[in-house]
Amino acid sequence: MLSAEDLTLRAFRLLEVDNRVILPIKTYICLLITAADVLHCWAIPLFGIKVDACPGRLNQASLFIKCEGTFYGQCSEICGVNHGFMLIVVKAVAPDIYSKWGA
């Protein structure tokens, strides 16, 4: 979660993160999810996806994003004292923009 001093105009105070996940649209994506410490859950409601992240285990999910945009989610498992601050932001971009970003 971003601190109040780092927020820009029009940013969502309780939803913005410092490192967004950038993914391409119109591409089949395989998500591999795990955890390092305790049980977590990677969830983005607008994608209709919720995957448990278990220490020592590797979970897999498939994703196909149809349109560009910014999508918000959070850890959906009560995982500890900072559970309320475990946010997820996915920015979906066109494949050509994604390939330039990843280079």
PDB file of N, CA and C in Angstrom:
ATOM      1  N   MET A   1       0.846  -1.165   0.000  1.00  0.00           N
ATOM      2  CA  MET A   1       0.000   0.000   0.000  1.00  0.00           C
ATOM      3  C   MET A   1       0.898   1.237   0.000  1.00  0.00           C
ATOM      4  N   LEU A   2       0.527   2.208  -0.785  1.00  0.00           N
ATOM      5  CA  LEU A   2       1.285   3.458  -0.834  1.00  0.00           C
ATOM      6  C   LEU A   2       1.028   4.297   0.410  1.00  0.00           C
ATOM      7  N   SER A   3       2.042   5.002   0.841  1.00  0.00           N
ATOM      8  CA  SER A   3       1.855   5.918   1.969  1.00  0.00           C
ATOM      9  C   SER A   3       1.121   7.158   1.475  1.00  0.00           C
ATOM     10  N   ALA A   4       0.518   7.891   2.378  1.00  0.00           N
ATOM     11  CA  ALA A   4      -0.265   9.078   2.028  1.00  0.00           C
ATOM     12  C   ALA A   4       0.593  10.123   1.321  1.00  0.00           C
ATOM     13  N   GLU A   5       1.873  10.208   1.654  1.00  0.00           N
ATOM     14  CA  GLU A   5       2.754  11.199   1.033  1.00  0.00           C
ATOM     15  C   GLU A   5       3.046  10.877  -0.432  1.00  0.00           C
ATOM     16  N   ASP A   6       2.971   9.604  -0.814  1.00  0.00           N
ATOM     17  CA  ASP A   6       3.298   9.190  -2.177  1.00  0.00           C
ATOM     18  C   ASP A   6       2.110   9.201  -3.131  1.00  0.00           C
ATOM     19  N   LEU A   7       0.916   9.468  -2.625  1.00  0.00           N
ATOM     20  CA  LEU A   7      -0.271   9.455  -3.471  1.00  0.00           C
ATOM     21  C   LEU A   7      -0.276  10.636  -4.436  1.00  0.00           C
ATOM     22  N   THR A   8      -0.794  10.386  -5.638  1.00  0.00           N
ATOM     23  CA  THR A   8      -0.968  11.448  -6.619  1.00  0.00           C
ATOM     24  C   THR A   8      -2.436  11.829  -6.674  1.00  0.00           C
ATOM     25  N   LEU A   9      -2.729  12.896  -7.382  1.00  0.00           N
ATOM     26  CA  LEU A   9      -4.110  13.333  -7.544  1.00  0.00           C
ATOM     27  C   LEU A   9      -4.906  12.248  -8.260  1.00  0.00           C
ATOM     28  N   ARG A  10      -6.095  11.971  -7.812  1.00  0.00           N
ATOM     29  CA  ARG A  10      -7.014  10.964  -8.357  1.00  0.00           C
ATOM     30  C   ARG A  10      -6.614   9.519  -8.047  1.00  0.00           C
ATOM     31  N   ALA A  11      -5.670   9.303  -7.166  1.00  0.00           N
ATOM     32  CA  ALA A  11      -5.298   7.942  -6.763  1.00  0.00           C
ATOM     33  C   ALA A  11      -6.231   7.483  -5.643  1.00  0.00           C
ATOM     34  N   PHE A  12      -6.495   6.190  -5.615  1.00  0.00           N
ATOM     35  CA  PHE A  12      -7.331   5.627  -4.562  1.00  0.00           C
ATOM     36  C   PHE A  12      -6.468   5.389  -3.325  1.00  0.00           C
ATOM     37  N   ARG A  13      -6.793   6.053  -2.245  1.00  0.00           N
ATOM     38  CA  ARG A  13      -5.944   6.040  -1.057  1.00  0.00           C
ATOM     39  C   ARG A  13      -5.768   4.653  -0.462  1.00  0.00           C
ATOM     40  N   LEU A  14      -6.810   3.860  -0.366  1.00  0.00           N
ATOM     41  CA  LEU A  14      -6.718   2.558   0.281  1.00  0.00           C
ATOM     42  C   LEU A  14      -6.630   1.393  -0.700  1.00  0.00           C
ATOM     43  N   LEU A  15      -6.430   1.687  -1.995  1.00  0.00           N
ATOM     44  CA  LEU A  15      -6.341   0.620  -2.992  1.00  0.00           C
ATOM     45  C   LEU A  15      -5.048   0.635  -3.789  1.00  0.00           C
ATOM     46  N   GLU A  16      -4.314   1.729  -3.769  1.00  0.00           N
ATOM     47  CA  GLU A  16      -3.131   1.865  -4.613  1.00  0.00           C
ATOM     48  C   GLU A  16      -1.915   1.166  -4.006  1.00  0.00           C
ATOM     49  N   VAL A  17      -1.083   0.605  -4.869  1.00  0.00           N
ATOM     50  CA  VAL A  17       0.131  -0.097  -4.444  1.00  0.00           C
ATOM     51  C   VAL A  17       1.341   0.536  -5.123  1.00  0.00           C
ATOM     52  N   ASP A  18       2.534   0.193  -4.646  1.00  0.00           N
ATOM     53  CA  ASP A  18       3.734   0.754  -5.253  1.00  0.00           C
ATOM     54  C   ASP A  18       4.228  -0.063  -6.449  1.00  0.00           C
ATOM     55  N   ASN A  19       3.860  -1.337  -6.540  1.00  0.00           N
ATOM     56  CA  ASN A  19       4.252  -2.188  -7.673  1.00  0.00           C
ATOM     57  C   ASN A  19       3.016  -2.867  -8.243  1.00  0.00           C
ATOM     58  N   ARG A  20       2.570  -2.405  -9.402  1.00  0.00           N
ATOM     59  CA  ARG A  20       1.416  -3.012 -10.067  1.00  0.00           C
ATOM     60  C   ARG A  20       1.850  -4.229 -10.882  1.00  0.00           C
ATOM     61  N   VAL A  21       0.943  -5.179 -11.036  1.00  0.00           N
ATOM     62  CA  VAL A  21       1.169  -6.306 -11.937  1.00  0.00           C
ATOM     63  C   VAL A  21       0.719  -5.845 -13.319  1.00  0.00           C
ATOM     64  N   ILE A  22       1.600  -5.928 -14.308  1.00  0.00           N
ATOM     65  CA  ILE A  22       1.271  -5.539 -15.676  1.00  0.00           C
ATOM     66  C   ILE A  22       1.054  -6.816 -16.480  1.00  0.00           C
ATOM     67  N   LEU A  23      -0.124  -6.927 -17.122  1.00  0.00           N
ATOM     68  CA  LEU A  23      -0.451  -8.113 -17.910  1.00  0.00           C
ATOM     69  C   LEU A  23      -1.019  -7.700 -19.260  1.00  0.00           C
ATOM     70  N   PRO A  24      -0.796  -8.519 -20.304  1.00  0.00           N
ATOM     71  CA  PRO A  24      -1.341  -8.199 -21.628  1.00  0.00           C
ATOM     72  C   PRO A  24      -2.796  -8.649 -21.764  1.00  0.00           C
ATOM     73  N   ILE A  25      -3.554  -7.934 -22.583  1.00  0.00           N
ATOM     74  CA  ILE A  25      -4.928  -8.346 -22.868  1.00  0.00           C
ATOM     75  C   ILE A  25      -4.918  -9.325 -24.049  1.00  0.00           C
ATOM     76  N   LYS A  26      -6.039 -10.013 -24.227  1.00  0.00           N
ATOM     77  CA  LYS A  26      -6.238 -10.953 -25.329  1.00  0.00           C
ATOM     78  C   LYS A  26      -5.103 -11.970 -25.440  1.00  0.00           C
ATOM     79  N   THR A  27      -4.649 -12.442 -24.281  1.00  0.00           N
ATOM     80  CA  THR A  27      -3.579 -13.431 -24.199  1.00  0.00           C
ATOM     81  C   THR A  27      -3.929 -14.424 -23.098  1.00  0.00           C
ATOM     82  N   TYR A  28      -3.721 -15.698 -23.351  1.00  0.00           N
ATOM     83  CA  TYR A  28      -3.945 -16.692 -22.314  1.00  0.00           C
ATOM     84  C   TYR A  28      -2.784 -16.644 -21.331  1.00  0.00           C
ATOM     85  N   ILE A  29      -3.099 -16.465 -20.052  1.00  0.00           N
ATOM     86  CA  ILE A  29      -2.094 -16.292 -19.008  1.00  0.00           C
ATOM     87  C   ILE A  29      -2.244 -17.422 -17.991  1.00  0.00           C
ATOM     88  N   CYS A  30      -1.128 -18.011 -17.625  1.00  0.00           N
ATOM     89  CA  CYS A  30      -1.107 -19.037 -16.585  1.00  0.00           C
ATOM     90  C   CYS A  30      -0.504 -18.414 -15.330  1.00  0.00           C
ATOM     91  N   LEU A  31      -1.258 -18.392 -14.242  1.00  0.00           N
ATOM     92  CA  LEU A  31      -0.783 -17.857 -12.974  1.00  0.00           C
ATOM     93  C   LEU A  31      -0.276 -18.998 -12.103  1.00  0.00           C
ATOM     94  N   LEU A  32       0.924 -18.843 -11.551  1.00  0.00           N
ATOM     95  CA  LEU A  32       1.468 -19.782 -10.582  1.00  0.00           C
ATOM     96  C   LEU A  32       1.585 -19.032  -9.266  1.00  0.00           C
ATOM     97  N   ILE A  33       0.906 -19.520  -8.245  1.00  0.00           N
ATOM     98  CA  ILE A  33       0.775 -18.769  -7.000  1.00  0.00           C
ATOM     99  C   ILE A  33       1.233 -19.613  -5.816  1.00  0.00           C
ATOM    100  N   THR A  34       2.055 -19.008  -4.968  1.00  0.00           N
ATOM    101  CA  THR A  34       2.514 -19.638  -3.740  1.00  0.00           C
ATOM    102  C   THR A  34       2.682 -18.559  -2.678  1.00  0.00           C
ATOM    103  N   ALA A  35       3.035 -18.957  -1.474  1.00  0.00           N
ATOM    104  CA  ALA A  35       3.280 -18.016  -0.377  1.00  0.00           C
ATOM    105  C   ALA A  35       4.578 -18.392   0.309  1.00  0.00           C
ATOM    106  N   ALA A  36       5.186 -17.414   0.950  1.00  0.00           N
ATOM    107  CA  ALA A  36       6.449 -17.652   1.639  1.00  0.00           C
ATOM    108  C   ALA A  36       6.271 -17.859   3.135  1.00  0.00           C
ATOM    109  N   ASP A  37       5.178 -17.336   3.704  1.00  0.00           N
ATOM    110  CA  ASP A  37       5.073 -17.356   5.164  1.00  0.00           C
ATOM    111  C   ASP A  37       3.823 -18.071   5.675  1.00  0.00           C
ATOM    112  N   VAL A  38       2.644 -17.555   5.382  1.00  0.00           N
ATOM    113  CA  VAL A  38       1.383 -18.131   5.863  1.00  0.00           C
ATOM    114  C   VAL A  38       0.413 -18.245   4.691  1.00  0.00           C
ATOM    115  N   LEU A  39      -0.762 -18.783   4.944  1.00  0.00           N
ATOM    116  CA  LEU A  39      -1.788 -18.924   3.919  1.00  0.00           C
ATOM    117  C   LEU A  39      -2.309 -17.557   3.500  1.00  0.00           C
ATOM    118  N   HIS A  40      -2.299 -17.279   2.190  1.00  0.00           N
ATOM    119  CA  HIS A  40      -2.858 -16.061   1.618  1.00  0.00           C
ATOM    120  C   HIS A  40      -3.858 -16.471   0.546  1.00  0.00           C
ATOM    121  N   CYS A  41      -4.520 -15.511  -0.055  1.00  0.00           N
ATOM    122  CA  CYS A  41      -5.443 -15.798  -1.145  1.00  0.00           C
ATOM    123  C   CYS A  41      -5.409 -14.641  -2.138  1.00  0.00           C
ATOM    124  N   TRP A  42      -5.012 -14.909  -3.382  1.00  0.00           N
ATOM    125  CA  TRP A  42      -4.893 -13.900  -4.434  1.00  0.00           C
ATOM    126  C   TRP A  42      -6.248 -13.781  -5.114  1.00  0.00           C
ATOM    127  N   ALA A  43      -6.917 -12.636  -4.927  1.00  0.00           N
ATOM    128  CA  ALA A  43      -8.277 -12.494  -5.445  1.00  0.00           C
ATOM    129  C   ALA A  43      -8.474 -11.156  -6.137  1.00  0.00           C
ATOM    130  N   ILE A  44      -9.089 -11.209  -7.324  1.00  0.00           N
ATOM    131  CA  ILE A  44      -9.510 -10.008  -8.042  1.00  0.00           C
ATOM    132  C   ILE A  44     -10.956 -10.242  -8.473  1.00  0.00           C
ATOM    133  N   PRO A  45     -11.914  -9.607  -7.790  1.00  0.00           N
ATOM    134  CA  PRO A  45     -13.324  -9.880  -8.042  1.00  0.00           C
ATOM    135  C   PRO A  45     -13.782  -9.666  -9.485  1.00  0.00           C
ATOM    136  N   LEU A  46     -13.310  -8.617 -10.170  1.00  0.00           N
ATOM    137  CA  LEU A  46     -13.755  -8.371 -11.541  1.00  0.00           C
ATOM    138  C   LEU A  46     -13.284  -9.438 -12.526  1.00  0.00           C
ATOM    139  N   PHE A  47     -12.228 -10.158 -12.196  1.00  0.00           N
ATOM    140  CA  PHE A  47     -11.784 -11.286 -13.016  1.00  0.00           C
ATOM    141  C   PHE A  47     -12.517 -12.568 -12.636  1.00  0.00           C
ATOM    142  N   GLY A  48     -13.191 -12.551 -11.501  1.00  0.00           N
ATOM    143  CA  GLY A  48     -13.840 -13.760 -11.012  1.00  0.00           C
ATOM    144  C   GLY A  48     -12.824 -14.810 -10.611  1.00  0.00           C
ATOM    145  N   ILE A  49     -11.721 -14.372 -10.028  1.00  0.00           N
ATOM    146  CA  ILE A  49     -10.644 -15.298  -9.679  1.00  0.00           C
ATOM    147  C   ILE A  49     -10.258 -15.148  -8.213  1.00  0.00           C
ATOM    148  N   LYS A  50     -10.057 -16.282  -7.565  1.00  0.00           N
ATOM    149  CA  LYS A  50      -9.630 -16.333  -6.166  1.00  0.00           C
ATOM    150  C   LYS A  50      -8.840 -17.624  -6.001  1.00  0.00           C
ATOM    151  N   VAL A  51      -7.529 -17.490  -5.749  1.00  0.00           N
ATOM    152  CA  VAL A  51      -6.646 -18.656  -5.692  1.00  0.00           C
ATOM    153  C   VAL A  51      -5.877 -18.631  -4.383  1.00  0.00           C
ATOM    154  N   ASP A  52      -5.908 -19.738  -3.659  1.00  0.00           N
ATOM    155  CA  ASP A  52      -5.156 -19.829  -2.406  1.00  0.00           C
ATOM    156  C   ASP A  52      -3.661 -19.859  -2.682  1.00  0.00           C
ATOM    157  N   ALA A  53      -2.918 -19.143  -1.844  1.00  0.00           N
ATOM    158  CA  ALA A  53      -1.457 -19.156  -1.887  1.00  0.00           C
ATOM    159  C   ALA A  53      -0.980 -19.838  -0.616  1.00  0.00           C
ATOM    160  N   CYS A  54      -0.486 -21.054  -0.763  1.00  0.00           N
ATOM    161  CA  CYS A  54      -0.095 -21.873   0.385  1.00  0.00           C
ATOM    162  C   CYS A  54       1.419 -22.029   0.434  1.00  0.00           C
ATOM    163  N   PRO A  55       2.020 -21.880   1.617  1.00  0.00           N
ATOM    164  CA  PRO A  55       3.462 -22.103   1.729  1.00  0.00           C
ATOM    165  C   PRO A  55       3.821 -23.547   1.372  1.00  0.00           C
ATOM    166  N   GLY A  56       4.845 -23.709   0.547  1.00  0.00           N
ATOM    167  CA  GLY A  56       5.281 -25.044   0.163  1.00  0.00           C
ATOM    168  C   GLY A  56       4.456 -25.689  -0.925  1.00  0.00           C
ATOM    169  N   ARG A  57       3.452 -25.013  -1.432  1.00  0.00           N
ATOM    170  CA  ARG A  57       2.591 -25.533  -2.498  1.00  0.00           C
ATOM    171  C   ARG A  57       2.575 -24.557  -3.658  1.00  0.00           C
ATOM    172  N   LEU A  58       2.260 -25.044  -4.842  1.00  0.00           N
ATOM    173  CA  LEU A  58       2.165 -24.214  -6.028  1.00  0.00           C
ATOM    174  C   LEU A  58       0.775 -24.409  -6.623  1.00  0.00           C
ATOM    175  N   ASN A  59      -0.031 -23.357  -6.623  1.00  0.00           N
ATOM    176  CA  ASN A  59      -1.358 -23.407  -7.222  1.00  0.00           C
ATOM    177  C   ASN A  59      -1.326 -22.745  -8.586  1.00  0.00           C
ATOM    178  N   GLN A  60      -2.204 -23.220  -9.467  1.00  0.00           N
ATOM    179  CA  GLN A  60      -2.232 -22.724 -10.831  1.00  0.00           C
ATOM    180  C   GLN A  60      -3.636 -22.261 -11.186  1.00  0.00           C
ATOM    181  N   ALA A  61      -3.712 -21.163 -11.941  1.00  0.00           N
ATOM    182  CA  ALA A  61      -4.993 -20.659 -12.437  1.00  0.00           C
ATOM    183  C   ALA A  61      -4.772 -20.077 -13.822  1.00  0.00           C
ATOM    184  N   SER A  62      -5.817 -20.056 -14.628  1.00  0.00           N
ATOM    185  CA  SER A  62      -5.747 -19.484 -15.969  1.00  0.00           C
ATOM    186  C   SER A  62      -6.522 -18.178 -15.996  1.00  0.00           C
ATOM    187  N   LEU A  63      -6.058 -17.264 -16.852  1.00  0.00           N
ATOM    188  CA  LEU A  63      -6.663 -15.938 -16.925  1.00  0.00           C
ATOM    189  C   LEU A  63      -6.627 -15.460 -18.369  1.00  0.00           C
ATOM    190  N   PHE A  64      -7.717 -14.850 -18.812  1.00  0.00           N
ATOM    191  CA  PHE A  64      -7.787 -14.233 -20.141  1.00  0.00           C
ATOM    192  C   PHE A  64      -8.492 -12.894 -19.954  1.00  0.00           C
ATOM    193  N   ILE A  65      -7.747 -11.809 -20.118  1.00  0.00           N
ATOM    194  CA  ILE A  65      -8.297 -10.463 -19.915  1.00  0.00           C
ATOM    195  C   ILE A  65      -8.737  -9.923 -21.270  1.00  0.00           C
ATOM    196  N   LYS A  66      -9.990  -9.484 -21.373  1.00  0.00           N
ATOM    197  CA  LYS A  66     -10.538  -9.050 -22.651  1.00  0.00           C
ATOM    198  C   LYS A  66     -10.317  -7.579 -22.960  1.00  0.00           C
ATOM    199  N   CYS A  67     -10.216  -6.727 -21.943  1.00  0.00           N
ATOM    200  CA  CYS A  67     -10.114  -5.290 -22.202  1.00  0.00           C
ATOM    201  C   CYS A  67      -9.060  -4.644 -21.305  1.00  0.00           C
ATOM    202  N   GLU A  68      -8.554  -3.497 -21.763  1.00  0.00           N
ATOM    203  CA  GLU A  68      -7.557  -2.762 -20.996  1.00  0.00           C
ATOM    204  C   GLU A  68      -8.208  -2.112 -19.785  1.00  0.00           C
ATOM    205  N   GLY A  69      -7.412  -1.875 -18.762  1.00  0.00           N
ATOM    206  CA  GLY A  69      -7.925  -1.208 -17.574  1.00  0.00           C
ATOM    207  C   GLY A  69      -7.087  -1.513 -16.356  1.00  0.00           C
ATOM    208  N   THR A  70      -7.521  -0.973 -15.245  1.00  0.00           N
ATOM    209  CA  THR A  70      -6.870  -1.202 -13.963  1.00  0.00           C
ATOM    210  C   THR A  70      -7.856  -1.943 -13.076  1.00  0.00           C
ATOM    211  N   PHE A  71      -7.412  -3.050 -12.512  1.00  0.00           N
ATOM    212  CA  PHE A  71      -8.276  -3.919 -11.737  1.00  0.00           C
ATOM    213  C   PHE A  71      -7.706  -4.070 -10.327  1.00  0.00           C
ATOM    214  N   TYR A  72      -8.576  -4.014  -9.329  1.00  0.00           N
ATOM    215  CA  TYR A  72      -8.154  -4.020  -7.928  1.00  0.00           C
ATOM    216  C   TYR A  72      -8.611  -5.295  -7.232  1.00  0.00           C
ATOM    217  N   GLY A  73      -7.764  -5.782  -6.337  1.00  0.00           N
ATOM    218  CA  GLY A  73      -8.082  -6.960  -5.543  1.00  0.00           C
ATOM    219  C   GLY A  73      -7.350  -6.898  -4.221  1.00  0.00           C
ATOM    220  N   GLN A  74      -7.413  -7.994  -3.496  1.00  0.00           N
ATOM    221  CA  GLN A  74      -6.760  -8.027  -2.183  1.00  0.00           C
ATOM    222  C   GLN A  74      -6.573  -9.465  -1.741  1.00  0.00           C
ATOM    223  N   CYS A  75      -5.803  -9.632  -0.680  1.00  0.00           N
ATOM    224  CA  CYS A  75      -5.680 -10.934  -0.049  1.00  0.00           C
ATOM    225  C   CYS A  75      -7.025 -11.244   0.603  1.00  0.00           C
ATOM    226  N   SER A  76      -7.577 -12.401   0.293  1.00  0.00           N
ATOM    227  CA  SER A  76      -8.909 -12.749   0.801  1.00  0.00           C
ATOM    228  C   SER A  76      -8.857 -13.829   1.869  1.00  0.00           C
ATOM    229  N   GLU A  77      -7.738 -13.940   2.537  1.00  0.00           N
ATOM    230  CA  GLU A  77      -7.572 -14.897   3.621  1.00  0.00           C
ATOM    231  C   GLU A  77      -7.048 -14.127   4.833  1.00  0.00           C
ATOM    232  N   ILE A  78      -7.659 -14.328   5.985  1.00  0.00           N
ATOM    233  CA  ILE A  78      -7.167 -13.659   7.194  1.00  0.00           C
ATOM    234  C   ILE A  78      -5.799 -14.260   7.508  1.00  0.00           C
ATOM    235  N   CYS A  79      -4.757 -13.503   7.196  1.00  0.00           N
ATOM    236  CA  CYS A  79      -3.407 -14.058   7.228  1.00  0.00           C
ATOM    237  C   CYS A  79      -2.526 -13.444   8.302  1.00  0.00           C
ATOM    238  N   GLY A  80      -2.997 -12.458   8.999  1.00  0.00           N
ATOM    239  CA  GLY A  80      -2.166 -11.856  10.031  1.00  0.00           C
ATOM    240  C   GLY A  80      -2.553 -10.417  10.309  1.00  0.00           C
ATOM    241  N   VAL A  81      -1.722  -9.756  11.074  1.00  0.00           N
ATOM    242  CA  VAL A  81      -2.027  -8.409  11.540  1.00  0.00           C
ATOM    243  C   VAL A  81      -2.111  -7.398  10.389  1.00  0.00           C
ATOM    244  N   ASN A  82      -1.335  -7.569   9.326  1.00  0.00           N
ATOM    245  CA  ASN A  82      -1.351  -6.620   8.206  1.00  0.00           C
ATOM    246  C   ASN A  82      -2.208  -7.090   7.032  1.00  0.00           C
ATOM    247  N   HIS A  83      -3.140  -7.980   7.282  1.00  0.00           N
ATOM    248  CA  HIS A  83      -3.995  -8.523   6.236  1.00  0.00           C
ATOM    249  C   HIS A  83      -4.713  -7.418   5.460  1.00  0.00           C
ATOM    250  N   GLY A  84      -5.184  -6.399   6.134  1.00  0.00           N
ATOM    251  CA  GLY A  84      -5.929  -5.316   5.488  1.00  0.00           C
ATOM    252  C   GLY A  84      -5.092  -4.466   4.555  1.00  0.00           C
ATOM    253  N   PHE A  85      -3.776  -4.641   4.579  1.00  0.00           N
ATOM    254  CA  PHE A  85      -2.892  -3.839   3.745  1.00  0.00           C
ATOM    255  C   PHE A  85      -2.277  -4.647   2.601  1.00  0.00           C
ATOM    256  N   MET A  86      -2.777  -5.851   2.351  1.00  0.00           N
ATOM    257  CA  MET A  86      -2.261  -6.686   1.266  1.00  0.00           C
ATOM    258  C   MET A  86      -3.160  -6.528   0.053  1.00  0.00           C
ATOM    259  N   LEU A  87      -2.833  -5.543  -0.759  1.00  0.00           N
ATOM    260  CA  LEU A  87      -3.645  -5.178  -1.908  1.00  0.00           C
ATOM    261  C   LEU A  87      -3.008  -5.677  -3.197  1.00  0.00           C
ATOM    262  N   ILE A  88      -3.832  -5.785  -4.238  1.00  0.00           N
ATOM    263  CA  ILE A  88      -3.372  -6.227  -5.557  1.00  0.00           C
ATOM    264  C   ILE A  88      -3.919  -5.247  -6.578  1.00  0.00           C
ATOM    265  N   VAL A  89      -3.063  -4.787  -7.479  1.00  0.00           N
ATOM    266  CA  VAL A  89      -3.504  -3.957  -8.598  1.00  0.00           C
ATOM    267  C   VAL A  89      -2.922  -4.553  -9.872  1.00  0.00           C
ATOM    268  N   VAL A  90      -3.797  -4.887 -10.825  1.00  0.00           N
ATOM    269  CA  VAL A  90      -3.382  -5.408 -12.117  1.00  0.00           C
ATOM    270  C   VAL A  90      -3.722  -4.369 -13.176  1.00  0.00           C
ATOM    271  N   LYS A  91      -2.724  -3.992 -13.956  1.00  0.00           N
ATOM    272  CA  LYS A  91      -2.950  -3.086 -15.073  1.00  0.00           C
ATOM    273  C   LYS A  91      -2.889  -3.917 -16.348  1.00  0.00           C
ATOM    274  N   ALA A  92      -4.006  -3.976 -17.074  1.00  0.00           N
ATOM    275  CA  ALA A  92      -4.080  -4.735 -18.318  1.00  0.00           C
ATOM    276  C   ALA A  92      -3.816  -3.782 -19.477  1.00  0.00           C
ATOM    277  N   VAL A  93      -2.836  -4.124 -20.309  1.00  0.00           N
ATOM    278  CA  VAL A  93      -2.430  -3.267 -21.422  1.00  0.00           C
ATOM    279  C   VAL A  93      -2.427  -4.070 -22.717  1.00  0.00           C
ATOM    280  N   ALA A  94      -2.354  -3.358 -23.844  1.00  0.00           N
ATOM    281  CA  ALA A  94      -2.290  -4.005 -25.156  1.00  0.00           C
ATOM    282  C   ALA A  94      -0.999  -4.818 -25.265  1.00  0.00           C
ATOM    283  N   PRO A  95      -1.009  -5.901 -26.032  1.00  0.00           N
ATOM    284  CA  PRO A  95       0.182  -6.751 -26.147  1.00  0.00           C
ATOM    285  C   PRO A  95       1.430  -6.011 -26.623  1.00  0.00           C
ATOM    286  N   ASP A  96       1.296  -5.046 -27.541  1.00  0.00           N
ATOM    287  CA  ASP A  96       2.475  -4.313 -28.012  1.00  0.00           C
ATOM    288  C   ASP A  96       3.066  -3.433 -26.913  1.00  0.00           C
ATOM    289  N   ILE A  97       2.231  -2.843 -26.085  1.00  0.00           N
ATOM    290  CA  ILE A  97       2.708  -2.059 -24.948  1.00  0.00           C
ATOM    291  C   ILE A  97       3.372  -2.975 -23.928  1.00  0.00           C
ATOM    292  N   TYR A  98       2.786  -4.150 -23.715  1.00  0.00           N
ATOM    293  CA  TYR A  98       3.354  -5.116 -22.767  1.00  0.00           C
ATOM    294  C   TYR A  98       4.741  -5.573 -23.228  1.00  0.00           C
ATOM    295  N   SER A  99       4.889  -5.847 -24.502  1.00  0.00           N
ATOM    296  CA  SER A  99       6.194  -6.303 -24.990  1.00  0.00           C
ATOM    297  C   SER A  99       7.251  -5.201 -24.882  1.00  0.00           C
ATOM    298  N   LYS A 100       6.878  -3.943 -25.060  1.00  0.00           N
ATOM    299  CA  LYS A 100       7.815  -2.836 -24.866  1.00  0.00           C
ATOM    300  C   LYS A 100       8.165  -2.677 -23.385  1.00  0.00           C
ATOM    301  N   TRP A 101       7.168  -2.874 -22.503  1.00  0.00           N
ATOM    302  CA  TRP A 101       7.382  -2.734 -21.077  1.00  0.00           C
ATOM    303  C   TRP A 101       8.326  -3.823 -20.568  1.00  0.00           C
ATOM    304  N   GLY A 102       8.169  -5.023 -21.065  1.00  0.00           N
ATOM    305  CA  GLY A 102       8.965  -6.142 -20.591  1.00  0.00           C
ATOM    306  C   GLY A 102      10.383  -6.195 -21.154  1.00  0.00           C
ATOM    307  N   ALA A 103      10.651  -5.400 -22.167  1.00  0.00           N
ATOM    308  CA  ALA A 103      11.984  -5.442 -22.797  1.00  0.00           C
ATOM    309  C   ALA A 103      13.037  -4.722 -22.010  1.00  0.00           C
TER     310      ALA A 103
END
